[in-house]
Amino acid sequence: MNEISNESVWLSIFEYSKKTGKSISTIRRYIKAKRIVSQMIDGKFYLLVDANRNANEQVDYSDCQKLKLEKQVVFLKKQLVAVQEEISELKMLVNLYERQTVLKNTASGCNQPENNIQ
């Protein structure tokens, strides 16, 4: 196998799973098939990860994540503008209906007290 560099890091299966996005059972299969450099310490498997490679993957991941987040921000801003316009239109309709109701009530005499109460 490859030489172990000074910049290599040993990670638990769980940590390796979080870093790579692979399931724990998949990682266990990789260990069994010897696709990953591993060692057992105190009953736990630890996997060798090159720190430089990991750093490069992290940068790529963060760039990708940043791009996704920027797209989401643009989408959410558009959605916000659309909802604000809809709210404005609804406020205008409420005001219009309230004015119409007030005008109908005053025209029909609903606001005048009745004198025929017995």
C-alpha atoms as a PDB file:
ATOM      1  CA  MET A   1       0.000   0.000   0.000  1.00  0.00           C
ATOM      2  CA  ASN A   2       0.966   3.656  -0.035  1.00  0.00           C
ATOM      3  CA  GLU A   3       3.395   5.107   2.469  1.00  0.00           C
ATOM      4  CA  ILE A   4       1.800   6.805   5.419  1.00  0.00           C
ATOM      5  CA  SER A   5       2.704  10.473   5.329  1.00  0.00           C
ATOM      6  CA  ASN A   6       3.114  12.736   8.323  1.00  0.00           C
ATOM      7  CA  GLU A   7      -0.007  14.580   7.227  1.00  0.00           C
ATOM      8  CA  SER A   8      -2.277  11.540   7.469  1.00  0.00           C
ATOM      9  CA  VAL A   9      -5.067  11.347  10.003  1.00  0.00           C
ATOM     10  CA  TRP A  10      -6.805   8.344  11.543  1.00  0.00           C
ATOM     11  CA  LEU A  11     -10.588   8.719  11.720  1.00  0.00           C
ATOM     12  CA  SER A  12     -13.232   6.522  13.302  1.00  0.00           C
ATOM     13  CA  ILE A  13     -15.797   4.917  11.011  1.00  0.00           C
ATOM     14  CA  PHE A  14     -18.380   7.488  12.094  1.00  0.00           C
ATOM     15  CA  GLU A  15     -16.051  10.442  11.415  1.00  0.00           C
ATOM     16  CA  TYR A  16     -15.029   8.975   8.055  1.00  0.00           C
ATOM     17  CA  SER A  17     -18.703   8.481   7.209  1.00  0.00           C
ATOM     18  CA  LYS A  18     -19.468  12.122   7.956  1.00  0.00           C
ATOM     19  CA  LYS A  19     -16.465  13.339   5.936  1.00  0.00           C
ATOM     20  CA  THR A  20     -17.141  11.212   2.855  1.00  0.00           C
ATOM     21  CA  GLY A  21     -20.923  11.070   2.963  1.00  0.00           C
ATOM     22  CA  LYS A  22     -20.853   7.264   2.721  1.00  0.00           C
ATOM     23  CA  SER A  23     -22.900   5.050   4.999  1.00  0.00           C
ATOM     24  CA  ILE A  24     -21.269   3.219   7.880  1.00  0.00           C
ATOM     25  CA  SER A  25     -22.214  -0.167   6.401  1.00  0.00           C
ATOM     26  CA  THR A  26     -20.583   0.772   3.081  1.00  0.00           C
ATOM     27  CA  ILE A  27     -17.401   1.759   4.909  1.00  0.00           C
ATOM     28  CA  ARG A  28     -17.428  -1.566   6.777  1.00  0.00           C
ATOM     29  CA  ARG A  29     -17.683  -3.381   3.423  1.00  0.00           C
ATOM     30  CA  TYR A  30     -14.736  -1.326   2.136  1.00  0.00           C
ATOM     31  CA  ILE A  31     -12.723  -2.326   5.212  1.00  0.00           C
ATOM     32  CA  LYS A  32     -13.582  -6.001   4.712  1.00  0.00           C
ATOM     33  CA  ALA A  33     -12.599  -5.783   1.024  1.00  0.00           C
ATOM     34  CA  LYS A  34      -9.407  -3.906   2.029  1.00  0.00           C
ATOM     35  CA  ARG A  35     -10.326  -0.936  -0.174  1.00  0.00           C
ATOM     36  CA  ILE A  36      -9.509   1.411   2.717  1.00  0.00           C
ATOM     37  CA  VAL A  37      -6.386   1.442   4.891  1.00  0.00           C
ATOM     38  CA  SER A  38      -7.612   0.660   8.384  1.00  0.00           C
ATOM     39  CA  GLN A  39      -6.490  -0.577  11.763  1.00  0.00           C
ATOM     40  CA  MET A  40      -8.342  -1.842  14.805  1.00  0.00           C
ATOM     41  CA  ILE A  41      -7.569  -0.128  18.108  1.00  0.00           C
ATOM     42  CA  ASP A  42      -9.423  -1.152  21.280  1.00  0.00           C
ATOM     43  CA  GLY A  43     -12.109  -2.898  19.243  1.00  0.00           C
ATOM     44  CA  LYS A  44     -12.749   0.081  16.959  1.00  0.00           C
ATOM     45  CA  PHE A  45     -11.731   0.497  13.350  1.00  0.00           C
ATOM     46  CA  TYR A  46      -9.824   3.623  12.391  1.00  0.00           C
ATOM     47  CA  LEU A  47      -9.343   4.639   8.777  1.00  0.00           C
ATOM     48  CA  LEU A  48      -6.360   6.439   7.312  1.00  0.00           C
ATOM     49  CA  VAL A  49      -7.146   9.688   5.535  1.00  0.00           C
ATOM     50  CA  ASP A  50      -4.600  11.901   3.805  1.00  0.00           C
ATOM     51  CA  ALA A  51      -4.995  15.359   5.357  1.00  0.00           C
ATOM     52  CA  ASN A  52      -4.014  17.153   2.116  1.00  0.00           C
ATOM     53  CA  ARG A  53      -6.548  15.214   0.082  1.00  0.00           C
ATOM     54  CA  ASN A  54      -9.139  15.803   2.747  1.00  0.00           C
ATOM     55  CA  ALA A  55      -8.424  19.550   2.739  1.00  0.00           C
ATOM     56  CA  ASN A  56      -8.796  19.703  -1.055  1.00  0.00           C
ATOM     57  CA  GLU A  57     -12.067  17.785  -0.891  1.00  0.00           C
ATOM     58  CA  GLN A  58     -13.261  20.127   1.840  1.00  0.00           C
ATOM     59  CA  VAL A  59     -12.477  23.175  -0.324  1.00  0.00           C
ATOM     60  CA  ASP A  60     -14.281  21.632  -3.298  1.00  0.00           C
ATOM     61  CA  TYR A  61     -17.226  20.767  -1.092  1.00  0.00           C
ATOM     62  CA  SER A  62     -17.384  24.238   0.419  1.00  0.00           C
ATOM     63  CA  ASP A  63     -17.202  25.851  -3.043  1.00  0.00           C
ATOM     64  CA  CYS A  64     -20.004  23.596  -4.221  1.00  0.00           C
ATOM     65  CA  GLN A  65     -21.985  24.300  -1.065  1.00  0.00           C
ATOM     66  CA  LYS A  66     -21.408  28.043  -1.484  1.00  0.00           C
ATOM     67  CA  LEU A  67     -22.679  27.913  -5.072  1.00  0.00           C
ATOM     68  CA  LYS A  68     -25.788  25.998  -3.993  1.00  0.00           C
ATOM     69  CA  LEU A  69     -26.445  28.481  -1.209  1.00  0.00           C
ATOM     70  CA  GLU A  70     -26.010  31.451  -3.549  1.00  0.00           C
ATOM     71  CA  LYS A  71     -28.547  29.932  -5.951  1.00  0.00           C
ATOM     72  CA  GLN A  72     -30.916  29.352  -3.068  1.00  0.00           C
ATOM     73  CA  VAL A  73     -30.518  32.966  -1.907  1.00  0.00           C
ATOM     74  CA  VAL A  74     -31.381  34.243  -5.401  1.00  0.00           C
ATOM     75  CA  PHE A  75     -34.430  31.965  -5.521  1.00  0.00           C
ATOM     76  CA  LEU A  76     -35.583  33.031  -2.051  1.00  0.00           C
ATOM     77  CA  LYS A  77     -35.153  36.734  -2.889  1.00  0.00           C
ATOM     78  CA  LYS A  78     -37.355  36.307  -5.971  1.00  0.00           C
ATOM     79  CA  GLN A  79     -39.886  34.427  -3.903  1.00  0.00           C
ATOM     80  CA  LEU A  80     -39.834  37.169  -1.254  1.00  0.00           C
ATOM     81  CA  VAL A  81     -40.490  39.886  -3.840  1.00  0.00           C
ATOM     82  CA  ALA A  82     -43.409  37.889  -5.281  1.00  0.00           C
ATOM     83  CA  VAL A  83     -44.939  37.354  -1.841  1.00  0.00           C
ATOM     84  CA  GLN A  84     -44.499  41.038  -0.930  1.00  0.00           C
ATOM     85  CA  GLU A  85     -46.298  42.029  -4.142  1.00  0.00           C
ATOM     86  CA  GLU A  86     -49.099  39.589  -3.348  1.00  0.00           C
ATOM     87  CA  ILE A  87     -49.431  41.015   0.171  1.00  0.00           C
ATOM     88  CA  SER A  88     -49.598  44.530  -1.259  1.00  0.00           C
ATOM     89  CA  GLU A  89     -52.356  43.499  -3.681  1.00  0.00           C
ATOM     90  CA  LEU A  90     -54.300  41.799  -0.889  1.00  0.00           C
ATOM     91  CA  LYS A  91     -54.038  44.896   1.317  1.00  0.00           C
ATOM     92  CA  MET A  92     -55.353  46.991  -1.547  1.00  0.00           C
ATOM     93  CA  LEU A  93     -58.299  44.597  -2.038  1.00  0.00           C
ATOM     94  CA  VAL A  94     -59.116  44.619   1.686  1.00  0.00           C
ATOM     95  CA  ASN A  95     -59.160  48.432   1.675  1.00  0.00           C
ATOM     96  CA  LEU A  96     -61.368  48.443  -1.424  1.00  0.00           C
ATOM     97  CA  TYR A  97     -63.857  45.965   0.075  1.00  0.00           C
ATOM     98  CA  GLU A  98     -63.935  47.852   3.380  1.00  0.00           C
ATOM     99  CA  ARG A  99     -64.720  51.105   1.559  1.00  0.00           C
ATOM    100  CA  GLN A 100     -67.457  49.414  -0.475  1.00  0.00           C
ATOM    101  CA  THR A 101     -68.985  47.945   2.682  1.00  0.00           C
ATOM    102  CA  VAL A 102     -68.960  51.323   4.424  1.00  0.00           C
ATOM    103  CA  LEU A 103     -70.527  53.005   1.382  1.00  0.00           C
ATOM    104  CA  LYS A 104     -73.272  50.349   1.133  1.00  0.00           C
ATOM    105  CA  ASN A 105     -74.037  50.638   4.830  1.00  0.00           C
ATOM    106  CA  THR A 106     -74.316  54.427   4.716  1.00  0.00           C
ATOM    107  CA  ALA A 107     -76.377  54.357   1.514  1.00  0.00           C
ATOM    108  CA  SER A 108     -78.863  51.831   2.897  1.00  0.00           C
ATOM    109  CA  GLY A 109     -79.147  53.634   6.207  1.00  0.00           C
ATOM    110  CA  CYS A 110     -77.687  50.848   8.315  1.00  0.00           C
ATOM    111  CA  ASN A 111     -75.803  53.329  10.446  1.00  0.00           C
ATOM    112  CA  GLN A 112     -78.990  55.238  11.361  1.00  0.00           C
ATOM    113  CA  PRO A 113     -80.738  54.224  14.591  1.00  0.00           C
ATOM    114  CA  GLU A 114     -84.134  52.614  14.207  1.00  0.00           C
ATOM    115  CA  ASN A 115     -87.086  54.405  15.826  1.00  0.00           C
ATOM    116  CA  ASN A 116     -89.508  51.493  15.454  1.00  0.00           C
ATOM    117  CA  ILE A 117     -88.190  49.477  18.370  1.00  0.00           C
ATOM    118  CA  GLN A 118     -91.029  48.397  20.676  1.00  0.00           C
END
